[in-house]
Amino acid sequence: MAEVGELVLDAAVVEHLAARDGLSPEEARARALDTLRLVAAGREHHARRAADPGPVLTPRRAEHLRRAALARLWLTERFEPAHGPQDIPDDDRRLTAARADPRMVHPEVHGLCQVVVEPPNVTDEDQMAAITADPAWREAASQALAPVLARIDRNVPVDDHEACRLMKREVELSGPGDDPRLHITFPRPGGFELRACEEHDDAGACTKPRFAPAWTREIERLAVPGRSVPFFTPAGLHVVQVEQRLPAQLADDPATDRIVREAVLDPWRADQLGQRLEELRRQRTVRVAGMPEDGG
């Protein structure tokens, strides 16, 4: 009935399409021809691809890619398995430095900030404790803190990752206040080891904690992140924001050793690879000896 290139449209195909899809003979013939044209175009495209495979790599480029693939295979299957975290020598300088880094090896640490209302210009602890225990002073401190705390609660979400920075801004915008008995401060945020001790007895029990127990107890109750309600200690009136808690990573803990070794693995492995490549280079050096002038 018709031809498209080397493809012939059979009348039986047209009759089948007409019966199957409820088409007129002309519609069935048109659909069959469209299908044949698509088949012919596809065959022509594949024929061109077979005749012209496209750009061909030069022998030098092909050899370079082959060697690069072999190098990657050697790295992943031979070198890296033989240079894992457990293979780093205990006396390696990077490992020694990491074990002394307080960011890697540390007790439990709370990252926090706080707003403090305290007596101004008082450095003696006993004198400060006497002032902050006075009910009149506590009432005045609570009243002075109230508008600052209202700003913080209104503008600083507890779970904001920049809560401490935002709290500092609200304290600064609130101004110093007008009561000469009070000083509203925002000490520098930091990481605190709440159970740190300055003095121990002969049995090892702590006799002088670094931080006031009244302060640490309130912080240990908080969720992370969390913000305390105002509370008093001998140092004044506090509102504490805990941003994070870092679990202890102690030097004698095998889990800490794994963490430290993983931290220094990449630079140590790179150094070892450089040494190994230098050894291979020396093994493959070609030396050319000069011939005597007399040819003997």
C-alpha atoms as a PDB file:
ATOM      1  CA  MET A   1       0.000   0.000   0.000  1.00  0.00           C
ATOM      2  CA  ALA A   2       2.808   2.453   0.850  1.00  0.00           C
ATOM      3  CA  GLU A   3       6.558   2.558   1.629  1.00  0.00           C
ATOM      4  CA  VAL A   4       8.599   4.613   4.059  1.00  0.00           C
ATOM      5  CA  GLY A   5      12.237   4.110   3.175  1.00  0.00           C
ATOM      6  CA  GLU A   6      12.734   0.358   3.160  1.00  0.00           C
ATOM      7  CA  LEU A   7       9.635  -0.250   5.299  1.00  0.00           C
ATOM      8  CA  VAL A   8       6.419  -1.371   3.584  1.00  0.00           C
ATOM      9  CA  LEU A   9       2.975  -0.707   5.017  1.00  0.00           C
ATOM     10  CA  ASP A  10       0.948  -3.919   4.872  1.00  0.00           C
ATOM     11  CA  ALA A  11      -2.813  -3.683   4.246  1.00  0.00           C
ATOM     12  CA  ALA A  12      -3.433  -6.171   7.052  1.00  0.00           C
ATOM     13  CA  VAL A  13      -1.924  -3.714   9.535  1.00  0.00           C
ATOM     14  CA  VAL A  14      -4.315  -0.974   8.429  1.00  0.00           C
ATOM     15  CA  GLU A  15      -7.300  -3.315   8.730  1.00  0.00           C
ATOM     16  CA  HIS A  16      -6.165  -4.401  12.211  1.00  0.00           C
ATOM     17  CA  LEU A  17      -5.831  -0.779  13.436  1.00  0.00           C
ATOM     18  CA  ALA A  18      -9.218   0.149  12.043  1.00  0.00           C
ATOM     19  CA  ALA A  19     -10.920  -2.791  13.746  1.00  0.00           C
ATOM     20  CA  ARG A  20      -9.050  -2.425  17.057  1.00  0.00           C
ATOM     21  CA  ASP A  21      -9.350   1.361  17.515  1.00  0.00           C
ATOM     22  CA  GLY A  22     -12.640   1.977  15.666  1.00  0.00           C
ATOM     23  CA  LEU A  23     -11.007   4.103  12.941  1.00  0.00           C
ATOM     24  CA  SER A  24     -11.929   4.733   9.357  1.00  0.00           C
ATOM     25  CA  PRO A  25      -9.631   3.172   6.718  1.00  0.00           C
ATOM     26  CA  GLU A  26      -8.079   6.616   6.030  1.00  0.00           C
ATOM     27  CA  GLU A  27      -7.449   7.305   9.752  1.00  0.00           C
ATOM     28  CA  ALA A  28      -5.965   3.854  10.293  1.00  0.00           C
ATOM     29  CA  ARG A  29      -3.667   4.285   7.270  1.00  0.00           C
ATOM     30  CA  ALA A  30      -2.488   7.715   8.505  1.00  0.00           C
ATOM     31  CA  ARG A  31      -1.692   6.346  11.988  1.00  0.00           C
ATOM     32  CA  ALA A  32       0.212   3.384  10.534  1.00  0.00           C
ATOM     33  CA  LEU A  33       2.255   5.675   8.290  1.00  0.00           C
ATOM     34  CA  ASP A  34       3.162   7.933  11.248  1.00  0.00           C
ATOM     35  CA  THR A  35       4.382   4.894  13.147  1.00  0.00           C
ATOM     36  CA  LEU A  36       6.462   3.713  10.209  1.00  0.00           C
ATOM     37  CA  ARG A  37       8.041   7.168   9.865  1.00  0.00           C
ATOM     38  CA  LEU A  38       9.083   7.073  13.566  1.00  0.00           C
ATOM     39  CA  VAL A  39      10.574   3.604  13.121  1.00  0.00           C
ATOM     40  CA  ALA A  40      12.458   4.691  10.011  1.00  0.00           C
ATOM     41  CA  ALA A  41      13.831   7.801  11.750  1.00  0.00           C
ATOM     42  CA  GLY A  42      14.972   5.712  14.730  1.00  0.00           C
ATOM     43  CA  ARG A  43      16.776   3.245  12.504  1.00  0.00           C
ATOM     44  CA  GLU A  44      18.471   6.041  10.594  1.00  0.00           C
ATOM     45  CA  HIS A  45      19.631   7.647  13.869  1.00  0.00           C
ATOM     46  CA  HIS A  46      21.122   4.391  15.163  1.00  0.00           C
ATOM     47  CA  ALA A  47      22.794   3.763  11.841  1.00  0.00           C
ATOM     48  CA  ARG A  48      24.509   7.161  11.968  1.00  0.00           C
ATOM     49  CA  ARG A  49      25.654   6.508  15.558  1.00  0.00           C
ATOM     50  CA  ALA A  50      27.112   3.178  14.499  1.00  0.00           C
ATOM     51  CA  ALA A  51      28.933   4.712  11.534  1.00  0.00           C
ATOM     52  CA  ASP A  52      30.264   7.679  13.541  1.00  0.00           C
ATOM     53  CA  PRO A  53      30.894   6.844  17.246  1.00  0.00           C
ATOM     54  CA  GLY A  54      31.835  10.461  17.955  1.00  0.00           C
ATOM     55  CA  PRO A  55      35.064  11.804  19.430  1.00  0.00           C
ATOM     56  CA  VAL A  56      37.680   9.123  20.066  1.00  0.00           C
ATOM     57  CA  LEU A  57      40.235   9.429  22.873  1.00  0.00           C
ATOM     58  CA  THR A  58      43.840   9.760  21.862  1.00  0.00           C
ATOM     59  CA  PRO A  59      46.039   6.878  22.988  1.00  0.00           C
ATOM     60  CA  ARG A  60      47.804   9.141  25.522  1.00  0.00           C
ATOM     61  CA  ARG A  61      44.502  10.322  27.013  1.00  0.00           C
ATOM     62  CA  ALA A  62      43.151   6.775  27.158  1.00  0.00           C
ATOM     63  CA  GLU A  63      46.305   5.611  28.936  1.00  0.00           C
ATOM     64  CA  HIS A  64      46.039   8.493  31.393  1.00  0.00           C
ATOM     65  CA  LEU A  65      42.447   7.557  32.262  1.00  0.00           C
ATOM     66  CA  ARG A  66      43.387   3.901  32.654  1.00  0.00           C
ATOM     67  CA  ARG A  67      46.199   4.760  35.043  1.00  0.00           C
ATOM     68  CA  ALA A  68      43.964   7.134  37.018  1.00  0.00           C
ATOM     69  CA  ALA A  69      41.371   4.390  37.408  1.00  0.00           C
ATOM     70  CA  LEU A  70      44.049   1.953  38.600  1.00  0.00           C
ATOM     71  CA  ALA A  71      45.345   4.564  41.048  1.00  0.00           C
ATOM     72  CA  ARG A  72      41.866   5.062  42.521  1.00  0.00           C
ATOM     73  CA  LEU A  73      41.451   1.308  42.786  1.00  0.00           C
ATOM     74  CA  TRP A  74      44.790   1.023  44.616  1.00  0.00           C
ATOM     75  CA  LEU A  75      43.818   3.830  46.986  1.00  0.00           C
ATOM     76  CA  THR A  76      40.435   2.378  47.926  1.00  0.00           C
ATOM     77  CA  GLU A  77      41.371  -1.320  48.027  1.00  0.00           C
ATOM     78  CA  ARG A  78      44.987  -1.315  49.194  1.00  0.00           C
ATOM     79  CA  PHE A  79      46.186   1.951  50.722  1.00  0.00           C
ATOM     80  CA  GLU A  80      43.160   3.205  52.709  1.00  0.00           C
ATOM     81  CA  PRO A  81      42.292  -0.145  54.343  1.00  0.00           C
ATOM     82  CA  ALA A  82      45.904  -0.349  55.537  1.00  0.00           C
ATOM     83  CA  HIS A  83      45.818   3.224  56.901  1.00  0.00           C
ATOM     84  CA  GLY A  84      42.714   3.410  59.082  1.00  0.00           C
ATOM     85  CA  PRO A  85      42.183   5.233  62.384  1.00  0.00           C
ATOM     86  CA  GLN A  86      43.515   2.255  64.340  1.00  0.00           C
ATOM     87  CA  ASP A  87      46.786   2.383  62.388  1.00  0.00           C
ATOM     88  CA  ILE A  88      47.781   5.869  63.598  1.00  0.00           C
ATOM     89  CA  PRO A  89      50.748   5.464  65.999  1.00  0.00           C
ATOM     90  CA  ASP A  90      50.061   6.523  69.577  1.00  0.00           C
ATOM     91  CA  ASP A  91      52.992   8.933  69.491  1.00  0.00           C
ATOM     92  CA  ASP A  92      51.889  10.687  66.285  1.00  0.00           C
ATOM     93  CA  ARG A  93      52.151  14.447  66.810  1.00  0.00           C
ATOM     94  CA  ARG A  94      48.649  15.123  65.472  1.00  0.00           C
ATOM     95  CA  LEU A  95      47.138  12.511  67.775  1.00  0.00           C
ATOM     96  CA  THR A  96      49.049  13.896  70.760  1.00  0.00           C
ATOM     97  CA  ALA A  97      47.863  17.436  70.020  1.00  0.00           C
ATOM     98  CA  ALA A  98      44.246  16.313  69.582  1.00  0.00           C
ATOM     99  CA  ARG A  99      44.281  14.487  72.907  1.00  0.00           C
ATOM    100  CA  ALA A 100      45.364  17.732  74.576  1.00  0.00           C
ATOM    101  CA  ASP A 101      42.715  19.822  72.793  1.00  0.00           C
ATOM    102  CA  PRO A 102      39.858  20.742  75.189  1.00  0.00           C
ATOM    103  CA  ARG A 103      37.489  20.786  72.227  1.00  0.00           C
ATOM    104  CA  MET A 104      38.162  17.081  71.713  1.00  0.00           C
ATOM    105  CA  VAL A 105      38.735  15.816  75.259  1.00  0.00           C
ATOM    106  CA  HIS A 106      36.604  17.379  77.960  1.00  0.00           C
ATOM    107  CA  PRO A 107      34.165  16.710  80.796  1.00  0.00           C
ATOM    108  CA  GLU A 108      30.464  17.429  80.389  1.00  0.00           C
ATOM    109  CA  VAL A 109      30.132  21.073  79.330  1.00  0.00           C
ATOM    110  CA  HIS A 110      27.082  23.351  79.220  1.00  0.00           C
ATOM    111  CA  GLY A 111      27.160  26.176  76.683  1.00  0.00           C
ATOM    112  CA  LEU A 112      25.177  29.011  78.237  1.00  0.00           C
ATOM    113  CA  CYS A 113      24.701  32.711  78.834  1.00  0.00           C
ATOM    114  CA  GLN A 114      22.901  34.647  81.539  1.00  0.00           C
ATOM    115  CA  VAL A 115      21.493  37.962  82.625  1.00  0.00           C
ATOM    116  CA  VAL A 116      22.574  38.889  86.152  1.00  0.00           C
ATOM    117  CA  VAL A 117      21.356  41.598  88.515  1.00  0.00           C
ATOM    118  CA  GLU A 118      24.090  42.223  91.092  1.00  0.00           C
ATOM    119  CA  PRO A 119      25.279  44.854  93.553  1.00  0.00           C
ATOM    120  CA  PRO A 120      27.659  47.263  91.780  1.00  0.00           C
ATOM    121  CA  ASN A 121      31.312  47.551  92.781  1.00  0.00           C
ATOM    122  CA  VAL A 122      31.247  44.706  95.305  1.00  0.00           C
ATOM    123  CA  THR A 123      34.054  42.134  95.083  1.00  0.00           C
ATOM    124  CA  ASP A 124      33.998  40.562  98.548  1.00  0.00           C
ATOM    125  CA  GLU A 125      31.922  37.366  98.418  1.00  0.00           C
ATOM    126  CA  ASP A 126      30.654  37.609 102.003  1.00  0.00           C
ATOM    127  CA  GLN A 127      29.616  41.237 101.550  1.00  0.00           C
ATOM    128  CA  MET A 128      27.864  40.414  98.280  1.00  0.00           C
ATOM    129  CA  ALA A 129      26.038  37.457  99.861  1.00  0.00           C
ATOM    130  CA  ALA A 130      24.795  39.685 102.693  1.00  0.00           C
ATOM    131  CA  ILE A 131      23.468  42.290 100.226  1.00  0.00           C
ATOM    132  CA  THR A 132      21.762  39.788  97.918  1.00  0.00           C
ATOM    133  CA  ALA A 133      20.088  38.032 100.863  1.00  0.00           C
ATOM    134  CA  ASP A 134      18.325  41.240 101.943  1.00  0.00           C
ATOM    135  CA  PRO A 135      14.575  41.033 101.067  1.00  0.00           C
ATOM    136  CA  ALA A 136      14.456  44.715 100.086  1.00  0.00           C
ATOM    137  CA  TRP A 137      17.354  44.277  97.663  1.00  0.00           C
ATOM    138  CA  ARG A 138      15.744  41.154  96.184  1.00  0.00           C
ATOM    139  CA  GLU A 139      12.472  42.964  95.624  1.00  0.00           C
ATOM    140  CA  ALA A 140      14.259  45.834  93.885  1.00  0.00           C
ATOM    141  CA  ALA A 141      16.264  43.386  91.744  1.00  0.00           C
ATOM    142  CA  SER A 142      13.118  41.542  90.673  1.00  0.00           C
ATOM    143  CA  GLN A 143      11.414  44.791  89.676  1.00  0.00           C
ATOM    144  CA  ALA A 144      14.469  45.954  87.707  1.00  0.00           C
ATOM    145  CA  LEU A 145      14.751  42.641  85.864  1.00  0.00           C
ATOM    146  CA  ALA A 146      11.031  42.385  85.004  1.00  0.00           C
ATOM    147  CA  PRO A 147      11.002  44.739  81.966  1.00  0.00           C
ATOM    148  CA  VAL A 148      14.249  43.260  80.632  1.00  0.00           C
ATOM    149  CA  LEU A 149      12.887  39.741  80.970  1.00  0.00           C
ATOM    150  CA  ALA A 150       9.642  40.796  79.286  1.00  0.00           C
ATOM    151  CA  ARG A 151      11.625  42.013  76.247  1.00  0.00           C
ATOM    152  CA  ILE A 152      13.602  38.775  76.139  1.00  0.00           C
ATOM    153  CA  ASP A 153      10.531  36.548  76.419  1.00  0.00           C
ATOM    154  CA  ARG A 154       8.758  38.582  73.713  1.00  0.00           C
ATOM    155  CA  ASN A 155      11.624  38.767  71.204  1.00  0.00           C
ATOM    156  CA  VAL A 156      13.930  35.793  71.830  1.00  0.00           C
ATOM    157  CA  PRO A 157      12.557  32.258  71.278  1.00  0.00           C
ATOM    158  CA  VAL A 158      14.057  29.763  73.695  1.00  0.00           C
ATOM    159  CA  ASP A 159      15.091  27.400  70.883  1.00  0.00           C
ATOM    160  CA  ASP A 160      16.673  30.088  68.664  1.00  0.00           C
ATOM    161  CA  HIS A 161      20.256  29.057  67.863  1.00  0.00           C
ATOM    162  CA  GLU A 162      21.296  32.700  68.372  1.00  0.00           C
ATOM    163  CA  ALA A 163      19.359  33.153  71.605  1.00  0.00           C
ATOM    164  CA  CYS A 164      22.374  34.343  73.611  1.00  0.00           C
ATOM    165  CA  ARG A 165      23.307  36.990  71.055  1.00  0.00           C
ATOM    166  CA  LEU A 166      19.711  38.201  70.935  1.00  0.00           C
ATOM    167  CA  MET A 167      19.452  38.281  74.735  1.00  0.00           C
ATOM    168  CA  LYS A 168      22.552  40.451  74.917  1.00  0.00           C
ATOM    169  CA  ARG A 169      20.955  42.876  72.463  1.00  0.00           C
ATOM    170  CA  GLU A 170      17.792  43.116  74.575  1.00  0.00           C
ATOM    171  CA  VAL A 171      19.824  43.810  77.721  1.00  0.00           C
ATOM    172  CA  GLU A 172      21.751  46.581  75.952  1.00  0.00           C
ATOM    173  CA  LEU A 173      18.556  48.126  74.582  1.00  0.00           C
ATOM    174  CA  SER A 174      16.968  48.079  78.035  1.00  0.00           C
ATOM    175  CA  GLY A 175      19.533  50.495  79.446  1.00  0.00           C
ATOM    176  CA  PRO A 176      21.347  50.447  82.814  1.00  0.00           C
ATOM    177  CA  GLY A 177      18.365  51.298  85.029  1.00  0.00           C
ATOM    178  CA  ASP A 178      18.182  54.060  87.629  1.00  0.00           C
ATOM    179  CA  ASP A 179      18.565  52.187  90.943  1.00  0.00           C
ATOM    180  CA  PRO A 180      22.117  52.741  92.295  1.00  0.00           C
ATOM    181  CA  ARG A 181      21.889  49.501  94.283  1.00  0.00           C
ATOM    182  CA  LEU A 182      21.632  47.393  91.143  1.00  0.00           C
ATOM    183  CA  HIS A 183      23.738  46.576  88.106  1.00  0.00           C
ATOM    184  CA  ILE A 184      22.197  44.552  85.250  1.00  0.00           C
ATOM    185  CA  THR A 185      24.924  42.697  83.370  1.00  0.00           C
ATOM    186  CA  PHE A 186      25.284  40.150  80.589  1.00  0.00           C
ATOM    187  CA  PRO A 187      28.518  38.218  81.290  1.00  0.00           C
ATOM    188  CA  ARG A 188      30.370  36.720  78.376  1.00  0.00           C
ATOM    189  CA  PRO A 189      28.765  33.434  77.216  1.00  0.00           C
ATOM    190  CA  GLY A 190      30.863  30.299  77.394  1.00  0.00           C
ATOM    191  CA  GLY A 191      31.154  26.633  78.181  1.00  0.00           C
ATOM    192  CA  PHE A 192      30.882  25.677  81.851  1.00  0.00           C
ATOM    193  CA  GLU A 193      31.871  22.467  83.599  1.00  0.00           C
ATOM    194  CA  LEU A 194      29.189  22.603  86.273  1.00  0.00           C
ATOM    195  CA  ARG A 195      30.840  19.984  88.467  1.00  0.00           C
ATOM    196  CA  ALA A 196      34.292  21.567  88.376  1.00  0.00           C
ATOM    197  CA  CYS A 197      36.028  21.598  91.767  1.00  0.00           C
ATOM    198  CA  GLU A 198      38.816  23.791  93.093  1.00  0.00           C
ATOM    199  CA  GLU A 199      39.671  21.832  96.246  1.00  0.00           C
ATOM    200  CA  HIS A 200      39.335  18.179  97.309  1.00  0.00           C
ATOM    201  CA  ASP A 201      39.795  16.411 100.618  1.00  0.00           C
ATOM    202  CA  ASP A 202      42.115  13.457 101.147  1.00  0.00           C
ATOM    203  CA  ALA A 203      39.386  11.048 100.076  1.00  0.00           C
ATOM    204  CA  GLY A 204      38.882  12.885  96.788  1.00  0.00           C
ATOM    205  CA  ALA A 205      35.555  14.487  97.686  1.00  0.00           C
ATOM    206  CA  CYS A 206      35.016  18.065  96.513  1.00  0.00           C
ATOM    207  CA  THR A 207      35.231  20.557  99.357  1.00  0.00           C
ATOM    208  CA  LYS A 208      35.135  23.741  97.270  1.00  0.00           C
ATOM    209  CA  PRO A 209      33.087  23.722  94.031  1.00  0.00           C
ATOM    210  CA  ARG A 210      34.105  26.263  91.424  1.00  0.00           C
ATOM    211  CA  PHE A 211      30.497  27.410  90.963  1.00  0.00           C
ATOM    212  CA  ALA A 212      27.809  28.024  93.564  1.00  0.00           C
ATOM    213  CA  PRO A 213      25.651  24.903  94.022  1.00  0.00           C
ATOM    214  CA  ALA A 214      22.526  27.110  93.999  1.00  0.00           C
ATOM    215  CA  TRP A 215      23.496  28.177  90.473  1.00  0.00           C
ATOM    216  CA  THR A 216      24.479  24.769  89.088  1.00  0.00           C
ATOM    217  CA  ARG A 217      21.358  23.043  90.464  1.00  0.00           C
ATOM    218  CA  GLU A 218      19.085  25.373  88.503  1.00  0.00           C
ATOM    219  CA  ILE A 219      21.033  24.823  85.297  1.00  0.00           C
ATOM    220  CA  GLU A 220      21.054  21.033  85.621  1.00  0.00           C
ATOM    221  CA  ARG A 221      17.242  21.089  85.776  1.00  0.00           C
ATOM    222  CA  LEU A 222      16.907  22.848  82.418  1.00  0.00           C
ATOM    223  CA  ALA A 223      16.146  21.209  79.124  1.00  0.00           C
ATOM    224  CA  VAL A 224      18.522  21.871  76.219  1.00  0.00           C
ATOM    225  CA  PRO A 225      17.921  24.387  74.799  1.00  0.00           C
ATOM    226  CA  GLY A 226      16.234  25.951  77.794  1.00  0.00           C
ATOM    227  CA  ARG A 227      15.803  29.148  79.776  1.00  0.00           C
ATOM    228  CA  SER A 228      15.391  29.423  83.529  1.00  0.00           C
ATOM    229  CA  VAL A 229      12.946  31.503  85.495  1.00  0.00           C
ATOM    230  CA  PRO A 230      14.670  34.192  87.587  1.00  0.00           C
ATOM    231  CA  PHE A 231      16.439  32.713  90.617  1.00  0.00           C
ATOM    232  CA  PHE A 232      18.661  34.064  93.373  1.00  0.00           C
ATOM    233  CA  THR A 233      22.143  32.983  94.432  1.00  0.00           C
ATOM    234  CA  PRO A 234      24.665  34.729  96.706  1.00  0.00           C
ATOM    235  CA  ALA A 235      25.930  36.454  93.540  1.00  0.00           C
ATOM    236  CA  GLY A 236      22.593  38.050  92.619  1.00  0.00           C
ATOM    237  CA  LEU A 237      19.516  37.418  90.495  1.00  0.00           C
ATOM    238  CA  HIS A 238      19.993  35.219  87.395  1.00  0.00           C
ATOM    239  CA  VAL A 239      18.195  34.234  84.213  1.00  0.00           C
ATOM    240  CA  VAL A 240      20.164  31.513  82.422  1.00  0.00           C
ATOM    241  CA  GLN A 241      19.859  30.395  78.792  1.00  0.00           C
ATOM    242  CA  VAL A 242      21.382  26.974  78.035  1.00  0.00           C
ATOM    243  CA  GLU A 243      22.152  26.647  74.315  1.00  0.00           C
ATOM    244  CA  GLN A 244      23.827  23.247  74.276  1.00  0.00           C
ATOM    245  CA  ARG A 245      25.206  20.452  76.394  1.00  0.00           C
ATOM    246  CA  LEU A 246      28.309  18.602  75.264  1.00  0.00           C
ATOM    247  CA  PRO A 247      28.496  15.094  76.738  1.00  0.00           C
ATOM    248  CA  ALA A 248      31.760  14.169  78.416  1.00  0.00           C
ATOM    249  CA  GLN A 249      34.564  12.907  76.162  1.00  0.00           C
ATOM    250  CA  LEU A 250      37.102  11.690  78.681  1.00  0.00           C
ATOM    251  CA  ALA A 251      40.682  10.797  77.812  1.00  0.00           C
ATOM    252  CA  ASP A 252      40.423   7.204  79.066  1.00  0.00           C
ATOM    253  CA  ASP A 253      37.180   6.457  77.217  1.00  0.00           C
ATOM    254  CA  PRO A 254      37.605   4.193  74.137  1.00  0.00           C
ATOM    255  CA  ALA A 255      34.808   6.143  72.413  1.00  0.00           C
ATOM    256  CA  THR A 256      36.811   9.367  72.837  1.00  0.00           C
ATOM    257  CA  ASP A 257      39.877   7.673  71.373  1.00  0.00           C
ATOM    258  CA  ARG A 258      37.868   6.719  68.291  1.00  0.00           C
ATOM    259  CA  ILE A 259      36.582  10.280  67.907  1.00  0.00           C
ATOM    260  CA  VAL A 260      40.075  11.757  68.231  1.00  0.00           C
ATOM    261  CA  ARG A 261      41.555   9.310  65.743  1.00  0.00           C
ATOM    262  CA  GLU A 262      38.811  10.024  63.200  1.00  0.00           C
ATOM    263  CA  ALA A 263      39.502  13.758  63.593  1.00  0.00           C
ATOM    264  CA  VAL A 264      43.176  13.422  62.605  1.00  0.00           C
ATOM    265  CA  LEU A 265      42.763  10.574  60.111  1.00  0.00           C
ATOM    266  CA  ASP A 266      42.648  12.614  56.895  1.00  0.00           C
ATOM    267  CA  PRO A 267      45.800  14.727  57.478  1.00  0.00           C
ATOM    268  CA  TRP A 268      47.710  11.700  58.797  1.00  0.00           C
ATOM    269  CA  ARG A 269      46.631   9.582  55.843  1.00  0.00           C
ATOM    270  CA  ALA A 270      47.605  12.345  53.392  1.00  0.00           C
ATOM    271  CA  ASP A 271      51.053  12.517  54.978  1.00  0.00           C
ATOM    272  CA  GLN A 272      51.433   8.742  54.741  1.00  0.00           C
ATOM    273  CA  LEU A 273      50.351   8.802  51.103  1.00  0.00           C
ATOM    274  CA  GLY A 274      52.958  11.439  50.314  1.00  0.00           C
ATOM    275  CA  GLN A 275      55.654   9.311  51.917  1.00  0.00           C
ATOM    276  CA  ARG A 276      54.519   6.210  50.051  1.00  0.00           C
ATOM    277  CA  LEU A 277      54.480   8.015  46.713  1.00  0.00           C
ATOM    278  CA  GLU A 278      57.985   9.315  47.380  1.00  0.00           C
ATOM    279  CA  GLU A 279      59.140   5.738  48.062  1.00  0.00           C
ATOM    280  CA  LEU A 280      57.589   4.591  44.788  1.00  0.00           C
ATOM    281  CA  ARG A 281      59.226   7.466  42.932  1.00  0.00           C
ATOM    282  CA  ARG A 282      62.664   6.518  44.252  1.00  0.00           C
ATOM    283  CA  GLN A 283      62.105   2.872  43.330  1.00  0.00           C
ATOM    284  CA  ARG A 284      61.187   3.786  39.745  1.00  0.00           C
ATOM    285  CA  THR A 285      63.955   6.340  39.082  1.00  0.00           C
ATOM    286  CA  VAL A 286      65.889   5.639  35.889  1.00  0.00           C
ATOM    287  CA  ARG A 287      69.590   6.507  35.974  1.00  0.00           C
ATOM    288  CA  VAL A 288      71.489   7.078  32.708  1.00  0.00           C
ATOM    289  CA  ALA A 289      75.244   6.375  32.943  1.00  0.00           C
ATOM    290  CA  GLY A 290      77.562   8.244  30.593  1.00  0.00           C
ATOM    291  CA  MET A 291      79.827   6.231  28.266  1.00  0.00           C
ATOM    292  CA  PRO A 292      83.643   6.570  28.493  1.00  0.00           C
ATOM    293  CA  GLU A 293      85.077   8.828  25.796  1.00  0.00           C
ATOM    294  CA  ASP A 294      87.248   6.067  24.378  1.00  0.00           C
ATOM    295  CA  GLY A 295      84.250   3.796  24.029  1.00  0.00           C
ATOM    296  CA  GLY A 296      85.933   1.107  26.085  1.00  0.00           C
END
